[in-house]
N, C-alpha and C. Protein backbone atom coordinates (compact mmCIF):
# COMPACT_ATOMS: atom_id res chain seq x y z
N MET A 1 33.69 17.42 3.24
CA MET A 1 33.02 15.74 3.53
C MET A 1 31.97 15.68 3.37
N LYS A 2 31.81 14.23 3.00
CA LYS A 2 30.26 13.63 2.29
C LYS A 2 30.33 12.74 3.79
N ILE A 3 29.15 13.00 4.26
CA ILE A 3 28.31 12.19 5.68
C ILE A 3 27.96 10.64 4.75
N ASP A 4 28.49 10.01 5.60
CA ASP A 4 28.45 8.67 5.50
C ASP A 4 27.07 7.85 5.43
N SER A 5 25.98 7.19 4.94
CA SER A 5 24.97 6.89 4.74
C SER A 5 24.43 6.24 6.21
N THR A 6 25.63 6.01 6.59
CA THR A 6 24.73 5.12 7.96
C THR A 6 24.58 6.28 9.16
N VAL A 7 25.84 7.45 9.14
CA VAL A 7 25.34 8.20 9.90
C VAL A 7 24.44 8.51 10.14
N LYS A 8 23.82 9.03 8.64
CA LYS A 8 22.53 9.87 8.31
C LYS A 8 21.40 9.12 8.74
N LYS A 9 21.75 7.82 8.53
CA LYS A 9 20.44 6.89 9.08
C LYS A 9 20.14 6.63 10.52
N GLU A 10 21.02 6.15 11.18
CA GLU A 10 21.47 6.41 12.43
C GLU A 10 20.99 7.52 13.08
N THR A 11 21.52 8.85 12.34
CA THR A 11 21.03 10.12 13.18
C THR A 11 19.60 10.43 12.84
N VAL A 12 18.88 9.75 11.68
CA VAL A 12 17.39 10.27 11.75
C VAL A 12 16.94 9.08 12.73
N PHE A 13 16.99 8.23 13.00
CA PHE A 13 16.65 7.55 13.76
C PHE A 13 16.84 8.12 15.24
N ILE A 14 17.91 8.19 15.65
CA ILE A 14 18.07 9.27 16.99
C ILE A 14 16.89 10.40 16.92
N ALA A 15 16.73 11.02 15.88
CA ALA A 15 16.26 12.36 15.72
C ALA A 15 14.55 12.12 15.92
N THR A 16 14.39 10.75 15.04
CA THR A 16 12.72 10.87 15.50
C THR A 16 12.17 10.15 16.69
N SER A 17 13.14 9.16 17.34
CA SER A 17 13.19 8.67 18.54
C SER A 17 12.81 9.85 20.05
N VAL A 18 13.88 10.48 19.55
CA VAL A 18 13.82 12.40 20.26
C VAL A 18 12.53 12.60 20.39
N VAL A 19 12.18 13.25 19.17
CA VAL A 19 10.98 13.79 19.06
C VAL A 19 9.59 12.93 19.66
N ILE A 20 9.63 11.81 19.15
CA ILE A 20 8.72 11.15 20.28
C ILE A 20 8.81 11.38 21.46
N MET A 21 9.86 10.99 21.77
CA MET A 21 10.09 10.82 23.42
C MET A 21 9.69 12.41 24.12
N SER A 22 9.71 13.14 23.38
CA SER A 22 9.86 14.62 23.54
C SER A 22 8.47 14.81 23.43
N MET A 23 7.42 14.61 22.83
CA MET A 23 6.05 14.40 22.79
C MET A 23 5.64 13.82 23.61
N LEU A 24 5.88 12.78 24.13
CA LEU A 24 5.70 12.03 25.51
C LEU A 24 6.02 12.90 26.34
N MET A 25 7.06 13.61 26.67
CA MET A 25 7.27 14.07 27.65
C MET A 25 6.33 14.89 27.86
N GLU A 26 6.16 16.12 26.83
CA GLU A 26 5.32 17.21 26.49
C GLU A 26 4.22 17.00 27.48
N ALA A 27 3.36 15.64 26.75
CA ALA A 27 1.93 15.36 27.24
C ALA A 27 2.10 15.08 28.65
N VAL A 28 3.08 14.84 29.35
CA VAL A 28 2.92 14.15 30.36
C VAL A 28 3.15 15.61 31.71
N PHE A 29 4.16 16.84 31.16
CA PHE A 29 3.68 18.26 31.59
C PHE A 29 2.25 18.68 31.49
N LEU A 30 1.70 18.14 30.31
CA LEU A 30 0.16 18.43 30.46
C LEU A 30 -0.55 17.84 31.32
N VAL A 31 -0.46 16.70 31.04
CA VAL A 31 -1.32 16.22 32.26
C VAL A 31 -1.25 16.54 33.74
N LEU A 32 -0.15 16.84 34.09
CA LEU A 32 0.21 17.23 35.19
C LEU A 32 0.06 18.69 35.59
N ARG A 33 -0.40 18.79 34.31
CA ARG A 33 -1.13 20.61 34.88
C ARG A 33 0.34 21.54 35.09
N LYS A 34 1.54 21.12 34.47
CA LYS A 34 2.77 21.99 34.98
C LYS A 34 3.30 22.38 33.51
N TRP A 35 2.42 22.16 32.29
CA TRP A 35 2.95 22.96 30.81
C TRP A 35 3.10 23.88 30.82
N GLU A 36 3.86 24.84 30.16
CA GLU A 36 4.12 25.97 30.11
C GLU A 36 5.19 26.39 29.11
N LEU A 37 5.59 27.64 28.54
CA LEU A 37 6.45 28.08 27.25
C LEU A 37 8.19 27.06 27.68
N SER A 38 8.07 27.73 28.94
CA SER A 38 9.61 26.77 29.03
C SER A 38 9.70 25.58 29.24
N VAL A 39 8.66 24.47 29.31
CA VAL A 39 8.98 23.11 29.07
C VAL A 39 9.05 22.84 27.94
N LEU A 40 8.51 23.70 26.53
CA LEU A 40 8.58 23.68 25.37
C LEU A 40 10.12 24.13 24.55
N LEU A 41 10.77 25.12 25.32
CA LEU A 41 11.93 25.85 25.16
C LEU A 41 12.78 24.81 25.60
N GLY A 42 12.81 24.41 26.84
CA GLY A 42 14.09 23.42 27.65
C GLY A 42 14.17 22.06 26.71
N ASN A 43 12.99 21.98 26.28
CA ASN A 43 12.60 20.21 25.19
C ASN A 43 13.63 20.40 24.33
N LEU A 44 13.27 21.95 23.16
CA LEU A 44 13.89 22.14 22.24
C LEU A 44 15.32 22.24 22.08
N LEU A 45 15.51 22.72 23.38
CA LEU A 45 17.52 22.68 23.47
C LEU A 45 18.11 21.56 23.90
N GLY A 46 17.63 20.78 24.63
CA GLY A 46 18.01 19.20 25.36
C GLY A 46 17.57 18.66 23.85
N GLY A 47 17.24 18.41 23.55
CA GLY A 47 16.52 17.44 22.46
C GLY A 47 17.77 18.12 21.04
N THR A 48 17.74 19.26 20.69
CA THR A 48 18.55 19.71 19.59
C THR A 48 20.21 18.95 20.09
N ALA A 49 20.17 19.26 21.40
CA ALA A 49 21.86 19.13 22.03
C ALA A 49 21.83 17.64 21.42
N ALA A 50 21.14 17.01 21.92
CA ALA A 50 20.78 15.41 22.54
C ALA A 50 21.35 14.81 20.95
N VAL A 51 20.51 15.34 19.78
CA VAL A 51 20.66 14.89 18.68
C VAL A 51 21.57 15.16 18.14
N LEU A 52 22.36 16.34 18.02
CA LEU A 52 23.40 16.85 17.43
C LEU A 52 24.82 15.67 18.41
N ASN A 53 25.06 15.67 19.52
CA ASN A 53 25.75 15.30 20.07
C ASN A 53 26.06 14.07 19.44
N PHE A 54 24.76 13.11 18.86
CA PHE A 54 25.07 12.10 18.51
C PHE A 54 25.46 12.03 17.02
N PHE A 55 25.02 12.80 16.20
CA PHE A 55 25.12 13.31 15.00
C PHE A 55 27.02 13.63 14.50
N LEU A 56 27.54 14.51 15.72
CA LEU A 56 29.16 14.56 16.13
C LEU A 56 29.90 13.29 16.49
N MET A 57 29.15 12.41 17.22
CA MET A 57 30.14 11.42 17.66
C MET A 57 30.06 10.61 16.29
N GLY A 58 29.10 10.98 15.08
CA GLY A 58 28.88 9.73 14.19
C GLY A 58 30.01 10.20 13.07
N ILE A 59 29.92 11.57 13.34
CA ILE A 59 31.01 11.85 12.17
C ILE A 59 32.59 11.92 12.55
N THR A 60 32.52 12.12 14.03
CA THR A 60 34.09 12.19 14.54
C THR A 60 34.75 10.00 14.40
N LEU A 61 33.59 9.35 14.60
CA LEU A 61 33.66 7.69 14.51
C LEU A 61 34.14 7.65 12.74
N GLN A 62 33.36 8.19 11.83
CA GLN A 62 33.39 8.18 10.38
C GLN A 62 34.72 8.66 9.94
N LYS A 63 35.34 9.86 10.45
CA LYS A 63 36.92 10.22 10.33
C LYS A 63 37.82 9.50 11.37
N ALA A 64 37.32 8.78 12.15
CA ALA A 64 38.51 7.91 12.78
C ALA A 64 38.67 6.72 12.00
N LEU A 65 37.65 6.39 11.31
CA LEU A 65 37.54 4.83 10.66
C LEU A 65 39.31 4.95 9.52
N GLY A 66 39.23 6.01 9.22
CA GLY A 66 40.59 6.49 8.33
C GLY A 66 41.92 6.62 8.72
N LYS A 67 41.62 6.61 10.16
CA LYS A 67 43.00 6.77 11.07
C LYS A 67 43.79 5.35 11.23
N ASP A 68 45.10 5.54 12.05
CA ASP A 68 45.51 4.34 12.34
C ASP A 68 45.15 4.10 13.93
N PRO A 69 44.78 3.27 14.49
CA PRO A 69 44.31 2.93 15.88
C PRO A 69 44.78 3.72 16.99
N LYS A 70 45.88 4.37 17.15
CA LYS A 70 46.24 5.35 18.25
C LYS A 70 45.79 6.45 18.11
N ASP A 71 45.80 7.15 16.74
CA ASP A 71 45.30 8.26 16.44
C ASP A 71 43.64 8.47 16.51
N ALA A 72 43.19 7.18 15.93
CA ALA A 72 41.56 7.09 16.02
C ALA A 72 41.43 7.45 17.56
N GLY A 73 42.08 6.28 18.23
CA GLY A 73 41.94 6.45 19.51
C GLY A 73 41.58 8.07 20.26
N THR A 74 42.71 8.56 19.92
CA THR A 74 43.19 9.93 20.34
C THR A 74 41.95 10.93 20.15
N MET A 75 41.21 10.80 19.30
CA MET A 75 40.33 11.56 18.18
C MET A 75 39.13 11.25 18.74
N MET A 76 38.85 9.69 19.24
CA MET A 76 37.23 9.75 19.82
C MET A 76 37.35 10.55 21.17
N LYS A 77 38.25 10.31 22.02
CA LYS A 77 38.50 10.74 23.19
C LYS A 77 38.14 11.92 23.39
N PHE A 78 39.21 12.73 22.54
CA PHE A 78 38.63 14.27 22.35
C PHE A 78 37.30 14.54 22.12
N SER A 79 36.90 14.00 20.89
CA SER A 79 35.22 14.24 20.75
C SER A 79 34.47 14.23 22.02
N GLN A 80 34.74 12.77 22.33
CA GLN A 80 33.64 12.66 23.64
C GLN A 80 34.00 13.56 24.85
N THR A 81 35.08 13.73 24.84
CA THR A 81 35.27 15.24 26.02
C THR A 81 34.75 16.45 25.72
N TYR A 82 34.73 16.62 24.32
CA TYR A 82 34.17 18.00 23.67
C TYR A 82 32.74 17.75 24.13
N ARG A 83 32.02 16.85 23.51
CA ARG A 83 30.57 16.54 23.41
C ARG A 83 29.89 16.68 24.55
N MET A 84 31.16 16.37 26.24
CA MET A 84 30.48 16.24 27.07
C MET A 84 30.44 17.69 27.79
N LEU A 85 31.32 18.06 27.41
CA LEU A 85 31.22 19.68 28.22
C LEU A 85 30.22 20.35 27.37
N MET A 86 30.10 20.10 26.03
CA MET A 86 28.48 20.70 25.21
C MET A 86 27.20 20.27 25.66
N LEU A 87 27.22 18.60 26.18
CA LEU A 87 26.12 18.62 26.99
C LEU A 87 26.03 19.19 28.06
N LEU A 88 27.15 19.56 29.21
CA LEU A 88 26.84 20.03 30.57
C LEU A 88 26.53 21.60 30.26
N ALA A 89 27.27 22.09 29.13
CA ALA A 89 26.83 23.42 29.02
C ALA A 89 25.63 23.80 28.90
N VAL A 90 25.08 22.72 27.77
CA VAL A 90 23.40 22.88 27.61
C VAL A 90 22.41 22.43 29.27
N ALA A 91 23.25 21.66 29.93
CA ALA A 91 22.16 21.65 31.21
C ALA A 91 22.42 22.68 31.97
N GLY A 92 23.73 23.44 32.00
CA GLY A 92 23.85 24.37 32.60
C GLY A 92 22.89 25.58 32.17
N ILE A 93 22.62 25.70 31.05
CA ILE A 93 22.12 26.50 30.28
C ILE A 93 20.67 26.34 30.85
N GLY A 94 20.12 25.17 30.56
CA GLY A 94 19.06 24.76 30.91
C GLY A 94 18.36 25.15 32.55
N VAL A 95 19.34 24.93 33.49
CA VAL A 95 19.02 24.95 34.67
C VAL A 95 19.00 26.53 34.86
N LEU A 96 19.87 27.23 34.75
CA LEU A 96 20.50 28.52 35.15
C LEU A 96 19.77 29.62 34.57
N VAL A 97 19.17 29.56 33.30
CA VAL A 97 18.59 30.87 32.40
C VAL A 97 16.87 29.96 32.65
N PRO A 98 16.12 31.06 33.31
CA PRO A 98 14.92 31.09 33.77
C PRO A 98 13.94 30.80 32.30
N VAL A 99 14.50 30.63 31.33
CA VAL A 99 13.23 31.08 30.11
C VAL A 99 13.28 29.56 29.71
N PHE A 100 14.22 28.61 30.15
CA PHE A 100 14.17 26.97 30.19
C PHE A 100 13.92 26.38 31.43
N ASN A 101 12.68 25.77 31.03
CA ASN A 101 12.55 24.49 32.17
C ASN A 101 13.47 23.54 32.19
N ALA A 102 14.14 23.63 33.60
CA ALA A 102 15.48 22.23 33.88
C ALA A 102 15.03 20.80 33.51
N VAL A 103 13.77 20.70 33.88
CA VAL A 103 13.31 18.90 33.78
C VAL A 103 13.38 19.01 32.08
N ALA A 104 12.83 19.66 31.69
CA ALA A 104 12.53 19.56 29.93
C ALA A 104 13.50 19.80 29.36
N THR A 105 14.73 20.47 29.93
CA THR A 105 16.02 20.45 29.18
C THR A 105 16.78 19.19 29.48
N ILE A 106 16.86 18.99 30.51
CA ILE A 106 17.75 17.69 30.92
C ILE A 106 17.46 16.12 30.20
N LEU A 107 16.26 15.82 30.73
CA LEU A 107 15.83 14.79 29.93
C LEU A 107 15.92 14.36 28.65
N PRO A 108 15.74 14.88 27.56
CA PRO A 108 15.84 14.88 26.25
C PRO A 108 17.22 14.70 26.38
N LEU A 109 18.57 14.83 27.19
CA LEU A 109 19.72 14.39 26.93
C LEU A 109 19.93 12.85 26.97
N PHE A 110 18.54 11.76 27.86
CA PHE A 110 18.96 10.71 27.80
C PHE A 110 18.43 9.86 26.95
N PHE A 111 17.52 10.69 26.31
CA PHE A 111 16.26 10.21 24.94
C PHE A 111 17.44 9.26 24.16
N PRO A 112 18.24 9.40 23.31
CA PRO A 112 19.22 8.83 22.57
C PRO A 112 19.34 7.40 23.07
N ARG A 113 19.86 7.58 24.50
CA ARG A 113 20.44 6.11 24.96
C ARG A 113 18.95 5.23 25.26
N ILE A 114 18.14 5.84 25.65
CA ILE A 114 17.10 5.07 25.73
C ILE A 114 16.09 4.48 24.37
N ALA A 115 16.45 5.70 23.24
CA ALA A 115 16.12 5.20 21.78
C ALA A 115 17.13 3.51 21.77
N ILE A 116 18.33 3.74 21.52
CA ILE A 116 19.45 2.82 21.55
C ILE A 116 19.12 1.33 22.30
N ALA A 117 18.99 1.61 23.70
CA ALA A 117 18.34 0.49 24.37
C ALA A 117 16.98 -0.33 24.22
N GLY A 118 16.54 0.34 23.29
CA GLY A 118 15.03 -0.03 23.11
C GLY A 118 14.93 -0.45 21.90
N ARG A 119 15.87 -0.22 20.97
CA ARG A 119 16.41 -0.79 19.48
C ARG A 119 16.75 -2.09 19.97
N VAL A 120 17.79 -2.46 20.56
CA VAL A 120 18.17 -3.96 21.20
C VAL A 120 17.11 -4.79 21.15
N PHE A 121 15.81 -4.26 22.05
CA PHE A 121 15.06 -5.22 21.91
C PHE A 121 13.96 -5.34 20.68
N THR A 122 13.95 -4.50 20.04
CA THR A 122 13.18 -4.29 18.68
C THR A 122 13.48 -5.62 17.94
N ASP A 123 14.98 -5.03 17.72
CA ASP A 123 15.82 -5.59 16.63
C ASP A 123 16.02 -7.03 16.97
N SER A 124 16.08 -7.50 18.12
CA SER A 124 15.98 -8.96 18.56
C SER A 124 14.60 -10.01 18.41
N ARG A 125 14.11 -9.04 18.48
CA ARG A 125 12.61 -9.52 18.04
C ARG A 125 12.21 -9.96 16.97
N LYS A 126 12.98 -8.85 15.87
CA LYS A 126 12.58 -8.64 14.50
C LYS A 126 13.35 -9.89 14.00
N ASN A 127 14.63 -10.43 14.78
CA ASN A 127 15.43 -11.24 14.20
C ASN A 127 14.79 -12.61 14.25
N ARG A 128 14.20 -12.57 15.79
CA ARG A 128 13.29 -13.83 15.90
C ARG A 128 12.71 -14.24 15.30
N LEU A 129 11.41 -13.11 14.56
CA LEU A 129 10.62 -13.19 14.26
C LEU A 129 10.75 -13.52 12.85
N ARG A 130 11.92 -13.24 12.10
CA ARG A 130 12.42 -13.84 11.13
C ARG A 130 12.91 -15.10 10.73
N ASN A 131 13.51 -15.11 11.56
CA ASN A 131 14.31 -16.82 11.84
C ASN A 131 12.94 -17.69 11.75
N GLU A 132 12.05 -17.60 12.46
CA GLU A 132 10.88 -18.04 12.63
C GLU A 132 9.95 -18.21 11.54
N SER A 133 10.19 -17.38 10.66
CA SER A 133 9.53 -16.92 9.57
C SER A 133 9.92 -18.11 8.42
N VAL A 134 11.65 -18.12 8.18
CA VAL A 134 12.64 -18.73 7.50
C VAL A 134 12.03 -20.00 7.75
N GLU A 135 12.42 -20.60 9.56
CA GLU A 135 11.82 -22.15 9.39
C GLU A 135 10.34 -22.68 9.22
N GLU A 136 9.65 -21.80 9.28
CA GLU A 136 8.17 -21.91 8.81
C GLU A 136 8.17 -22.58 7.44
N ALA A 137 8.65 -21.62 6.70
CA ALA A 137 8.93 -21.46 5.33
C ALA A 137 9.79 -22.62 4.70
N SER A 138 10.95 -23.17 5.22
CA SER A 138 11.53 -24.23 5.51
C SER A 138 10.72 -25.71 5.57
N ASP A 139 9.99 -25.64 6.52
CA ASP A 139 9.20 -26.81 7.16
C ASP A 139 8.23 -27.06 5.81
N GLU A 140 7.57 -26.24 5.04
CA GLU A 140 6.60 -26.54 4.03
C GLU A 140 7.62 -26.84 2.87
């Protein structure tokens, strides 16, 4: 199966955002003098799961677009259920296995949502600036 370019592009955006937010989280642990190897390992586990979850959602959406609406809805519901179970398992591992810091495992699971929310603001700002540039050019 060929992965759609939009799925690739959006997954790269999410992965980049997760890496940036993970580095910020690591810095906070360092400043608070709470950093240890378990923080890094938890961050790697949670961040990888977060990006994988987003990628799998994109793949499922890509597959669902070629199906009739009823089958597509069923496919998306099953995907969401299994992806949520995967995230719960990752969170459980992060909490129960001492080699992982629980906070550093669970927090990155929210990074994609934060990135998407932040993207709405930056995209609307870019559109506003683009529109202002077009208006200025038309005034000249």
